[in-house]
C-alpha atoms as a PDB file:
ATOM      1  CA  MET A   1       0.000   0.000   0.000  1.00  0.00           C
ATOM      2  CA  LYS A   2       1.354   3.421  -0.932  1.00  0.00           C
ATOM      3  CA  GLY A   3       2.088   5.466   2.188  1.00  0.00           C
ATOM      4  CA  GLY A   4       2.999   2.671   4.596  1.00  0.00           C
ATOM      5  CA  SER A   5       1.478  -0.164   6.574  1.00  0.00           C
ATOM      6  CA  PRO A   6      -2.277  -0.831   6.209  1.00  0.00           C
ATOM      7  CA  VAL A   7      -2.684  -1.052  10.005  1.00  0.00           C
ATOM      8  CA  LEU A   8      -1.743   1.297  12.846  1.00  0.00           C
ATOM      9  CA  ARG A   9      -1.772  -0.299  16.302  1.00  0.00           C
ATOM     10  CA  CYS A  10      -3.303   2.125  18.800  1.00  0.00           C
ATOM     11  CA  GLY A  11      -3.279   0.735  22.329  1.00  0.00           C
ATOM     12  CA  VAL A  12      -5.388  -2.419  22.207  1.00  0.00           C
ATOM     13  CA  ARG A  13      -7.076  -1.441  18.954  1.00  0.00           C
ATOM     14  CA  ALA A  14      -6.018  -1.476  15.308  1.00  0.00           C
ATOM     15  CA  LEU A  15      -6.831   1.288  12.834  1.00  0.00           C
ATOM     16  CA  ASP A  16      -7.363   0.023   9.281  1.00  0.00           C
ATOM     17  CA  LEU A  17      -5.569   2.338   6.854  1.00  0.00           C
ATOM     18  CA  THR A  18      -6.584   0.679   3.628  1.00  0.00           C
ATOM     19  CA  ARG A  19      -8.719   3.800   3.181  1.00  0.00           C
ATOM     20  CA  PRO A  20      -7.895   7.351   4.317  1.00  0.00           C
ATOM     21  CA  ARG A  21      -8.839   8.387   7.839  1.00  0.00           C
ATOM     22  CA  ILE A  22      -9.896  11.741   9.276  1.00  0.00           C
ATOM     23  CA  VAL A  23      -8.401  13.198  12.450  1.00  0.00           C
ATOM     24  CA  GLY A  24     -10.610  15.937  13.930  1.00  0.00           C
ATOM     25  CA  VAL A  25      -8.975  18.816  15.819  1.00  0.00           C
ATOM     26  CA  LEU A  26     -10.205  19.709  19.316  1.00  0.00           C
ATOM     27  CA  ASN A  27      -8.225  22.717  20.585  1.00  0.00           C
ATOM     28  CA  ILE A  28      -8.610  23.023  24.368  1.00  0.00           C
ATOM     29  CA  THR A  29      -6.764  26.329  24.355  1.00  0.00           C
ATOM     30  CA  PRO A  30      -7.558  30.035  24.526  1.00  0.00           C
ATOM     31  CA  ASP A  31      -4.989  30.972  21.872  1.00  0.00           C
ATOM     32  CA  SER A  32      -4.920  28.482  18.986  1.00  0.00           C
ATOM     33  CA  PHE A  33      -4.616  30.240  15.622  1.00  0.00           C
ATOM     34  CA  SER A  34      -7.923  29.007  14.209  1.00  0.00           C
ATOM     35  CA  ASP A  35     -10.434  28.533  16.998  1.00  0.00           C
ATOM     36  CA  GLY A  36      -8.761  29.415  20.287  1.00  0.00           C
ATOM     37  CA  GLY A  37     -11.295  30.003  23.049  1.00  0.00           C
ATOM     38  CA  SER A  38     -14.179  28.215  21.377  1.00  0.00           C
ATOM     39  CA  LEU A  39     -13.755  25.139  23.594  1.00  0.00           C
ATOM     40  CA  TYR A  40     -11.646  26.636  26.412  1.00  0.00           C
ATOM     41  CA  ASP A  41     -11.695  30.196  27.747  1.00  0.00           C
ATOM     42  CA  GLY A  42     -10.017  29.723  31.114  1.00  0.00           C
ATOM     43  CA  ALA A  43     -12.218  26.712  31.805  1.00  0.00           C
ATOM     44  CA  LEU A  44     -13.455  23.848  29.670  1.00  0.00           C
ATOM     45  CA  ARG A  45     -16.605  24.692  27.738  1.00  0.00           C
ATOM     46  CA  SER A  46     -17.979  21.209  28.200  1.00  0.00           C
ATOM     47  CA  ASP A  47     -21.253  21.629  26.326  1.00  0.00           C
ATOM     48  CA  ALA A  48     -19.501  23.244  23.368  1.00  0.00           C
ATOM     49  CA  LEU A  49     -17.012  20.377  23.330  1.00  0.00           C
ATOM     50  CA  ALA A  50     -19.804  17.806  23.330  1.00  0.00           C
ATOM     51  CA  ARG A  51     -21.541  19.558  20.428  1.00  0.00           C
ATOM     52  CA  ARG A  52     -18.285  19.710  18.459  1.00  0.00           C
ATOM     53  CA  VAL A  53     -17.601  16.007  19.021  1.00  0.00           C
ATOM     54  CA  GLU A  54     -21.139  15.013  18.069  1.00  0.00           C
ATOM     55  CA  ALA A  55     -20.963  17.112  14.883  1.00  0.00           C
ATOM     56  CA  MET A  56     -17.607  15.608  13.913  1.00  0.00           C
ATOM     57  CA  GLN A  57     -18.946  12.104  14.431  1.00  0.00           C
ATOM     58  CA  ARG A  58     -21.956  12.814  12.213  1.00  0.00           C
ATOM     59  CA  GLU A  59     -19.556  14.052   9.537  1.00  0.00           C
ATOM     60  CA  GLY A  60     -17.402  10.919   9.615  1.00  0.00           C
ATOM     61  CA  VAL A  61     -14.423  11.568  11.910  1.00  0.00           C
ATOM     62  CA  ASP A  62     -12.212   8.572  12.791  1.00  0.00           C
ATOM     63  CA  ILE A  63      -9.892  10.034  15.456  1.00  0.00           C
ATOM     64  CA  LEU A  64     -10.472  12.929  17.848  1.00  0.00           C
ATOM     65  CA  ASP A  65      -7.265  14.882  18.561  1.00  0.00           C
ATOM     66  CA  ILE A  66      -7.255  16.812  21.865  1.00  0.00           C
ATOM     67  CA  GLY A  67      -4.625  19.517  22.378  1.00  0.00           C
ATOM     68  CA  GLY A  68      -4.017  21.664  25.445  1.00  0.00           C
ATOM     69  CA  GLU A  69      -1.067  23.776  24.270  1.00  0.00           C
ATOM     70  CA  SER A  70      -1.109  25.975  21.180  1.00  0.00           C
ATOM     71  CA  THR A  71       1.780  25.408  18.779  1.00  0.00           C
ATOM     72  CA  ARG A  72       1.013  28.294  16.430  1.00  0.00           C
ATOM     73  CA  PRO A  73       3.953  30.530  15.489  1.00  0.00           C
ATOM     74  CA  GLY A  74       4.877  32.643  18.516  1.00  0.00           C
ATOM     75  CA  ALA A  75       2.739  30.611  20.926  1.00  0.00           C
ATOM     76  CA  VAL A  76       3.596  30.934  24.616  1.00  0.00           C
ATOM     77  CA  PRO A  77       4.410  27.609  26.339  1.00  0.00           C
ATOM     78  CA  VAL A  78       2.205  26.445  29.195  1.00  0.00           C
ATOM     79  CA  SER A  79       3.275  24.560  32.296  1.00  0.00           C
ATOM     80  CA  PRO A  80       2.755  20.790  32.496  1.00  0.00           C
ATOM     81  CA  GLN A  81       0.114  21.307  35.171  1.00  0.00           C
ATOM     82  CA  GLU A  82      -1.805  23.834  33.083  1.00  0.00           C
ATOM     83  CA  GLU A  83      -1.730  21.464  30.126  1.00  0.00           C
ATOM     84  CA  LEU A  84      -2.997  18.610  32.318  1.00  0.00           C
ATOM     85  CA  ASP A  85      -5.758  20.844  33.696  1.00  0.00           C
ATOM     86  CA  ARG A  86      -6.922  21.510  30.145  1.00  0.00           C
ATOM     87  CA  VAL A  87      -6.476  18.068  28.596  1.00  0.00           C
ATOM     88  CA  LEU A  88      -7.676  15.619  31.226  1.00  0.00           C
ATOM     89  CA  PRO A  89     -11.211  17.032  31.752  1.00  0.00           C
ATOM     90  CA  ALA A  90     -11.644  17.237  27.977  1.00  0.00           C
ATOM     91  CA  LEU A  91     -10.418  13.678  27.548  1.00  0.00           C
ATOM     92  CA  GLU A  92     -12.824  12.437  30.204  1.00  0.00           C
ATOM     93  CA  ARG A  93     -15.719  14.269  28.566  1.00  0.00           C
ATOM     94  CA  VAL A  94     -14.907  13.000  25.072  1.00  0.00           C
ATOM     95  CA  ARG A  95     -14.463   9.416  26.253  1.00  0.00           C
ATOM     96  CA  ALA A  96     -17.842   9.555  27.991  1.00  0.00           C
ATOM     97  CA  ILE A  97     -19.690  10.445  24.785  1.00  0.00           C
ATOM     98  CA  SER A  98     -17.598   8.863  22.020  1.00  0.00           C
ATOM     99  CA  ASP A  99     -16.186   5.486  21.033  1.00  0.00           C
ATOM    100  CA  ALA A 100     -13.826   7.058  18.486  1.00  0.00           C
ATOM    101  CA  LEU A 101     -10.099   6.655  18.819  1.00  0.00           C
ATOM    102  CA  ILE A 102      -8.645   9.506  20.855  1.00  0.00           C
ATOM    103  CA  SER A 103      -5.338  11.220  20.200  1.00  0.00           C
ATOM    104  CA  VAL A 104      -3.654  13.748  22.460  1.00  0.00           C
ATOM    105  CA  ASP A 105      -1.556  16.471  20.862  1.00  0.00           C
ATOM    106  CA  THR A 106       1.257  16.891  23.407  1.00  0.00           C
ATOM    107  CA  SER A 107       5.018  16.872  23.907  1.00  0.00           C
ATOM    108  CA  THR A 108       4.905  16.679  27.719  1.00  0.00           C
ATOM    109  CA  PRO A 109       5.878  13.384  29.410  1.00  0.00           C
ATOM    110  CA  GLU A 110       3.390  13.620  32.269  1.00  0.00           C
ATOM    111  CA  VAL A 111       0.556  14.510  29.895  1.00  0.00           C
ATOM    112  CA  ILE A 112       1.519  11.527  27.735  1.00  0.00           C
ATOM    113  CA  ARG A 113       1.317   9.186  30.735  1.00  0.00           C
ATOM    114  CA  GLN A 114      -1.888  10.537  32.249  1.00  0.00           C
ATOM    115  CA  ALA A 115      -3.675  10.905  28.927  1.00  0.00           C
ATOM    116  CA  ALA A 116      -2.890   7.301  28.008  1.00  0.00           C
ATOM    117  CA  ALA A 117      -4.122   6.179  31.422  1.00  0.00           C
ATOM    118  CA  GLY A 118      -7.333   8.113  30.720  1.00  0.00           C
ATOM    119  CA  GLY A 119      -7.999   6.411  27.400  1.00  0.00           C
ATOM    120  CA  ALA A 120      -5.890   8.167  24.754  1.00  0.00           C
ATOM    121  CA  GLU A 121      -4.592   5.693  22.175  1.00  0.00           C
ATOM    122  CA  LEU A 122      -2.390   7.946  20.046  1.00  0.00           C
ATOM    123  CA  ILE A 123       0.240  10.491  21.105  1.00  0.00           C
ATOM    124  CA  ASN A 124       0.541  13.212  18.457  1.00  0.00           C
ATOM    125  CA  ASP A 125       3.761  15.110  19.162  1.00  0.00           C
ATOM    126  CA  VAL A 126       4.889  18.075  17.062  1.00  0.00           C
ATOM    127  CA  ARG A 127       8.357  17.720  18.655  1.00  0.00           C
ATOM    128  CA  ALA A 128       8.655  14.014  17.740  1.00  0.00           C
ATOM    129  CA  LEU A 129       9.204  12.943  21.380  1.00  0.00           C
ATOM    130  CA  ARG A 130      12.303  15.116  21.836  1.00  0.00           C
ATOM    131  CA  ARG A 131      11.378  16.714  25.158  1.00  0.00           C
ATOM    132  CA  PRO A 132      13.347  15.059  27.993  1.00  0.00           C
ATOM    133  CA  GLY A 133      11.447  11.976  29.130  1.00  0.00           C
ATOM    134  CA  ALA A 134       8.833  12.052  26.359  1.00  0.00           C
ATOM    135  CA  LEU A 135      10.226   9.088  24.441  1.00  0.00           C
ATOM    136  CA  GLU A 136      10.347   6.914  27.547  1.00  0.00           C
ATOM    137  CA  ALA A 137       6.848   7.989  28.582  1.00  0.00           C
ATOM    138  CA  ALA A 138       5.397   7.132  25.185  1.00  0.00           C
ATOM    139  CA  ALA A 139       7.109   3.749  25.157  1.00  0.00           C
ATOM    140  CA  GLU A 140       5.573   2.910  28.537  1.00  0.00           C
ATOM    141  CA  THR A 141       2.006   3.565  27.416  1.00  0.00           C
ATOM    142  CA  GLY A 142       1.626   1.172  24.476  1.00  0.00           C
ATOM    143  CA  ALA A 143      -0.103   3.960  22.558  1.00  0.00           C
ATOM    144  CA  ALA A 144       0.644   4.745  18.945  1.00  0.00           C
ATOM    145  CA  VAL A 145       2.818   7.792  18.302  1.00  0.00           C
ATOM    146  CA  CYS A 146       2.882  10.402  15.564  1.00  0.00           C
ATOM    147  CA  LEU A 147       6.327  11.906  14.948  1.00  0.00           C
ATOM    148  CA  MET A 148       6.182  15.308  13.271  1.00  0.00           C
ATOM    149  CA  HIS A 149       9.014  17.329  11.778  1.00  0.00           C
ATOM    150  CA  LEU A 150       9.535  20.720  13.424  1.00  0.00           C
ATOM    151  CA  ARG A 151      12.490  23.031  12.831  1.00  0.00           C
ATOM    152  CA  GLY A 152      13.160  24.920  16.073  1.00  0.00           C
ATOM    153  CA  GLU A 153      10.353  25.697  18.534  1.00  0.00           C
ATOM    154  CA  PRO A 154       6.921  27.274  17.920  1.00  0.00           C
ATOM    155  CA  GLN A 155       8.173  30.595  19.335  1.00  0.00           C
ATOM    156  CA  THR A 156      10.950  30.872  16.737  1.00  0.00           C
ATOM    157  CA  MET A 157      10.206  28.328  14.008  1.00  0.00           C
ATOM    158  CA  GLN A 158       9.244  30.918  11.372  1.00  0.00           C
ATOM    159  CA  ASP A 159      12.377  33.044  11.853  1.00  0.00           C
ATOM    160  CA  ALA A 160      13.942  32.579   8.397  1.00  0.00           C
ATOM    161  CA  PRO A 161      13.773  28.764   8.180  1.00  0.00           C
ATOM    162  CA  ALA A 162      16.275  27.292   5.724  1.00  0.00           C
ATOM    163  CA  TYR A 163      17.024  23.841   4.316  1.00  0.00           C
ATOM    164  CA  PRO A 164      20.426  23.913   2.588  1.00  0.00           C
ATOM    165  CA  ASN A 165      20.159  20.249   1.542  1.00  0.00           C
ATOM    166  CA  GLY A 166      16.559  20.506   0.384  1.00  0.00           C
ATOM    167  CA  VAL A 167      13.439  20.413   2.520  1.00  0.00           C
ATOM    168  CA  ILE A 168      12.321  16.929   1.420  1.00  0.00           C
ATOM    169  CA  ASP A 169      15.651  15.300   2.177  1.00  0.00           C
ATOM    170  CA  GLU A 170      16.151  17.124   5.472  1.00  0.00           C
ATOM    171  CA  VAL A 171      12.647  16.332   6.709  1.00  0.00           C
ATOM    172  CA  GLY A 172      13.169  12.698   5.734  1.00  0.00           C
ATOM    173  CA  ASP A 173      16.555  12.494   7.482  1.00  0.00           C
ATOM    174  CA  PHE A 174      15.143  14.018  10.660  1.00  0.00           C
ATOM    175  CA  LEU A 175      12.214  11.614  10.766  1.00  0.00           C
ATOM    176  CA  ALA A 176      14.484   8.649  10.026  1.00  0.00           C
ATOM    177  CA  GLY A 177      16.477   9.559  13.122  1.00  0.00           C
ATOM    178  CA  ARG A 178      13.387   9.891  15.309  1.00  0.00           C
ATOM    179  CA  LEU A 179      12.000   6.624  13.959  1.00  0.00           C
ATOM    180  CA  ALA A 180      15.229   4.863  14.922  1.00  0.00           C
ATOM    181  CA  ALA A 181      15.088   6.417  18.397  1.00  0.00           C
ATOM    182  CA  CYS A 182      11.530   5.128  18.876  1.00  0.00           C
ATOM    183  CA  ARG A 183      12.458   1.635  17.784  1.00  0.00           C
ATOM    184  CA  ASP A 184      15.456   1.657  20.139  1.00  0.00           C
ATOM    185  CA  ALA A 185      13.094   2.660  22.958  1.00  0.00           C
ATOM    186  CA  GLY A 186      10.882  -0.350  22.267  1.00  0.00           C
ATOM    187  CA  ILE A 187       8.069   1.278  20.291  1.00  0.00           C
ATOM    188  CA  ALA A 188       7.026  -1.178  17.595  1.00  0.00           C
ATOM    189  CA  SER A 189       7.040  -0.032  13.971  1.00  0.00           C
ATOM    190  CA  ASP A 190       3.318  -0.702  13.593  1.00  0.00           C
ATOM    191  CA  ARG A 191       2.657   1.906  16.306  1.00  0.00           C
ATOM    192  CA  ILE A 192       4.525   4.728  14.566  1.00  0.00           C
ATOM    193  CA  LEU A 193       3.002   7.363  12.280  1.00  0.00           C
ATOM    194  CA  LEU A 194       4.945  10.152  10.523  1.00  0.00           C
ATOM    195  CA  ASP A 195       4.018  13.755   9.706  1.00  0.00           C
ATOM    196  CA  PRO A 196       6.066  16.157   7.513  1.00  0.00           C
ATOM    197  CA  GLY A 197       4.963  19.156   9.603  1.00  0.00           C
ATOM    198  CA  PHE A 198       3.403  21.501   7.091  1.00  0.00           C
ATOM    199  CA  GLY A 199       3.721  25.061   8.384  1.00  0.00           C
ATOM    200  CA  PHE A 200       6.156  24.217  11.172  1.00  0.00           C
ATOM    201  CA  GLY A 201       9.454  25.960  10.486  1.00  0.00           C
ATOM    202  CA  LYS A 202       8.796  26.234   6.749  1.00  0.00           C
ATOM    203  CA  THR A 203       8.189  28.980   4.215  1.00  0.00           C
ATOM    204  CA  LEU A 204       5.416  28.829   1.650  1.00  0.00           C
ATOM    205  CA  GLU A 205       7.925  27.528  -0.887  1.00  0.00           C
ATOM    206  CA  HIS A 206       9.039  24.790   1.512  1.00  0.00           C
ATOM    207  CA  ASN A 207       5.438  23.759   2.154  1.00  0.00           C
ATOM    208  CA  LEU A 208       4.593  23.595  -1.543  1.00  0.00           C
ATOM    209  CA  THR A 209       7.744  21.605  -2.270  1.00  0.00           C
ATOM    210  CA  LEU A 210       6.809  19.126   0.458  1.00  0.00           C
ATOM    211  CA  LEU A 211       3.229  18.808  -0.716  1.00  0.00           C
ATOM    212  CA  SER A 212       4.040  18.414  -4.393  1.00  0.00           C
ATOM    213  CA  GLY A 213       6.864  15.961  -3.623  1.00  0.00           C
ATOM    214  CA  LEU A 214       5.260  14.119  -0.746  1.00  0.00           C
ATOM    215  CA  ASP A 215       5.510  10.803  -2.565  1.00  0.00           C
ATOM    216  CA  ARG A 216       9.300  11.019  -2.205  1.00  0.00           C
ATOM    217  CA  LEU A 217       8.868  10.958   1.566  1.00  0.00           C
ATOM    218  CA  THR A 218       6.113   8.386   1.789  1.00  0.00           C
ATOM    219  CA  GLY A 219       8.015   6.103  -0.556  1.00  0.00           C
ATOM    220  CA  ARG A 220      11.099   6.249   1.670  1.00  0.00           C
ATOM    221  CA  PHE A 221       9.433   4.811   4.791  1.00  0.00           C
ATOM    222  CA  ALA A 222       7.257   1.834   5.683  1.00  0.00           C
ATOM    223  CA  GLN A 223       5.258   3.918   8.191  1.00  0.00           C
ATOM    224  CA  PRO A 224       1.895   5.509   7.367  1.00  0.00           C
ATOM    225  CA  TRP A 225       1.754   9.303   7.084  1.00  0.00           C
ATOM    226  CA  MET A 226      -0.507  12.027   8.427  1.00  0.00           C
ATOM    227  CA  ALA A 227      -0.884  15.441   6.789  1.00  0.00           C
ATOM    228  CA  GLY A 228      -2.056  18.468   8.743  1.00  0.00           C
ATOM    229  CA  LEU A 229      -2.951  21.269   6.324  1.00  0.00           C
ATOM    230  CA  SER A 230      -6.224  22.522   7.758  1.00  0.00           C
ATOM    231  CA  ARG A 231      -6.723  26.309   7.767  1.00  0.00           C
ATOM    232  CA  LYS A 232      -2.973  26.967   7.739  1.00  0.00           C
ATOM    233  CA  SER A 233      -1.380  30.251   6.729  1.00  0.00           C
ATOM    234  CA  MET A 234       0.049  28.695   3.558  1.00  0.00           C
ATOM    235  CA  LEU A 235      -3.539  28.285   2.347  1.00  0.00           C
ATOM    236  CA  GLY A 236      -4.260  31.900   3.210  1.00  0.00           C
ATOM    237  CA  GLN A 237      -1.172  33.086   1.355  1.00  0.00           C
ATOM    238  CA  ILE A 238      -2.309  31.271  -1.774  1.00  0.00           C
ATOM    239  CA  SER A 239      -6.051  31.960  -1.602  1.00  0.00           C
ATOM    240  CA  GLY A 240      -5.931  35.458  -0.151  1.00  0.00           C
ATOM    241  CA  ARG A 241      -8.255  34.349   2.647  1.00  0.00           C
ATOM    242  CA  SER A 242      -7.092  36.051   5.840  1.00  0.00           C
ATOM    243  CA  ALA A 243      -9.576  34.325   8.163  1.00  0.00           C
ATOM    244  CA  PRO A 244      -8.582  30.704   8.917  1.00  0.00           C
ATOM    245  CA  ALA A 245     -12.196  29.518   8.834  1.00  0.00           C
ATOM    246  CA  ASP A 246     -12.501  30.772   5.225  1.00  0.00           C
ATOM    247  CA  ARG A 247      -9.774  28.419   3.947  1.00  0.00           C
ATOM    248  CA  THR A 248     -11.933  25.296   3.778  1.00  0.00           C
ATOM    249  CA  VAL A 249     -11.962  24.971  -0.012  1.00  0.00           C
ATOM    250  CA  ALA A 250      -8.200  25.462  -0.279  1.00  0.00           C
ATOM    251  CA  GLY A 251      -7.739  22.940   2.525  1.00  0.00           C
ATOM    252  CA  ALA A 252      -9.891  20.328   0.809  1.00  0.00           C
ATOM    253  CA  LEU A 253      -7.863  20.649  -2.381  1.00  0.00           C
ATOM    254  CA  ALA A 254      -4.635  20.377  -0.404  1.00  0.00           C
ATOM    255  CA  VAL A 255      -5.972  17.189   1.180  1.00  0.00           C
ATOM    256  CA  VAL A 256      -6.395  15.644  -2.268  1.00  0.00           C
ATOM    257  CA  TRP A 257      -2.764  16.423  -3.118  1.00  0.00           C
ATOM    258  CA  ALA A 258      -1.624  14.946   0.206  1.00  0.00           C
ATOM    259  CA  LEU A 259      -3.580  11.760  -0.495  1.00  0.00           C
ATOM    260  CA  ARG A 260      -2.041  11.582  -3.970  1.00  0.00           C
ATOM    261  CA  GLY A 261       1.341  11.765  -2.284  1.00  0.00           C
ATOM    262  CA  GLY A 262       0.584   8.839   0.004  1.00  0.00           C
ATOM    263  CA  ALA A 263      -0.858  10.339   3.203  1.00  0.00           C
ATOM    264  CA  ARG A 264      -3.311   7.978   4.904  1.00  0.00           C
ATOM    265  CA  LEU A 265      -4.567  10.282   7.657  1.00  0.00           C
ATOM    266  CA  VAL A 266      -5.537  13.945   7.384  1.00  0.00           C
ATOM    267  CA  ARG A 267      -5.858  16.227  10.395  1.00  0.00           C
ATOM    268  CA  THR A 268      -8.564  18.853  10.058  1.00  0.00           C
ATOM    269  CA  HIS A 269     -10.876  21.326  11.754  1.00  0.00           C
ATOM    270  CA  ASP A 270     -13.402  20.820   8.937  1.00  0.00           C
ATOM    271  CA  VAL A 271     -14.456  17.174   8.958  1.00  0.00           C
ATOM    272  CA  GLY A 272     -17.384  17.334   6.533  1.00  0.00           C
ATOM    273  CA  PRO A 273     -15.564  19.050   3.645  1.00  0.00           C
ATOM    274  CA  THR A 274     -12.535  16.836   4.229  1.00  0.00           C
ATOM    275  CA  ARG A 275     -14.722  13.737   4.016  1.00  0.00           C
ATOM    276  CA  ASP A 276     -16.124  15.016   0.718  1.00  0.00           C
ATOM    277  CA  ALA A 277     -12.609  15.582  -0.633  1.00  0.00           C
ATOM    278  CA  ILE A 278     -11.612  12.041   0.348  1.00  0.00           C
ATOM    279  CA  ARG A 279     -14.661  10.572  -1.352  1.00  0.00           C
ATOM    280  CA  MET A 280     -13.882  12.483  -4.537  1.00  0.00           C
ATOM    281  CA  PHE A 281     -10.260  11.344  -4.395  1.00  0.00           C
ATOM    282  CA  GLU A 282     -11.271   7.712  -3.961  1.00  0.00           C
ATOM    283  CA  ALA A 283     -13.803   7.901  -6.778  1.00  0.00           C
ATOM    284  CA  LEU A 284     -11.326   9.515  -9.154  1.00  0.00           C
ATOM    285  CA  THR A 285      -8.542   7.054  -8.336  1.00  0.00           C
ATOM    286  CA  GLY A 286     -10.706   3.997  -8.868  1.00  0.00           C
ATOM    287  CA  ALA A 287     -11.534   3.098  -5.302  1.00  0.00           C
ATOM    288  CA  GLY A 288     -15.210   3.810  -5.920  1.00  0.00           C
ATOM    289  CA  GLU A 289     -17.540   5.659  -3.611  1.00  0.00           C
ATOM    290  CA  PRO A 290     -16.547   4.617  -0.075  1.00  0.00           C
ATOM    291  CA  ALA A 291     -18.989   3.998   2.695  1.00  0.00           C
ATOM    292  CA  ILE A 292     -18.479   6.360   5.619  1.00  0.00           C
ATOM    293  CA  GLU A 293     -17.772   3.916   8.385  1.00  0.00           C
ATOM    294  CA  PRO A 294     -18.671   4.540  12.041  1.00  0.00           C
ATOM    295  CA  PRO A 295     -15.831   5.047  14.525  1.00  0.00           C
ATOM    296  CA  LEU A 296     -14.104   1.932  15.800  1.00  0.00           C
ATOM    297  CA  PRO A 297     -15.816   0.401  18.837  1.00  0.00           C
ATOM    298  CA  MET A 298     -14.160   1.081  22.170  1.00  0.00           C
ATOM    299  CA  ALA A 299     -12.385  -2.029  23.386  1.00  0.00           C
ATOM    300  CA  ARG A 300     -12.662  -3.075  27.023  1.00  0.00           C
ATOM    301  CA  GLY A 301      -9.653  -2.027  28.980  1.00  0.00           C
ATOM    302  CA  ALA A 302      -8.360   0.434  26.363  1.00  0.00           C
ATOM    303  CA  GLY A 303      -5.941   2.900  27.867  1.00  0.00           C
ATOM    304  CA  ALA A 304      -5.651   0.978  31.109  1.00  0.00           C
END
């Protein structure tokens, strides 16, 4: 299968990747670039979160990705305790109303441990488990991990990023190193997902080079790939849409290019339009009109 293994092991469950999967974004932050404050404004907006989850499930989401620390350019870091105070109540609320797979977008070792204990089955880390203790924490949980490429830190990542040896090769070399580190730590290959990190320490030219040449990356690795393009500034630069929520059409088209390049999961704020883009892609590439499957059933003991 182009783009890696057809199965991703997530805790005690397996995610079938023979067809593309949708990862829905749940920002439990006051300052995320797209929708900060809509689900958290100093306290969890529990009813708003429940409505968002229910809407995403109606639209065909496969994984719900909970994040308690903004990683937008210039974002201010939060303490581990503040991140826990945001993530854990949201995780508990989502688990109570949904059987979907749950991912937690974090780089913090204690959040990794406690989120997995609370039912998270995927650790989505923009820093590719490079914070001290994060790799060991992830290995202990048995959860799947997503390793993303990031040049620098969110506070400084857009300060004149450069790739002297070419962005595709440098991103690939970085992820090869992190993949080896995960394997050395005891994380099985079928639990590892890769992400090129669109918008993280990259200019518009870098992002377009990555997207148009994504097949060079996906063809280099046996792991499946996730692409996160939703509402990003690169789409605004191209479309002229200054408001992130107005970039849905550009995002759907970018999803099709990512799927052509071998991505098997797409991370999005806009589940319905992304589902439509996937269905069009599958129809045009000969897969036929796919049935929108319900989320995977929750297995007994998951996350324990």
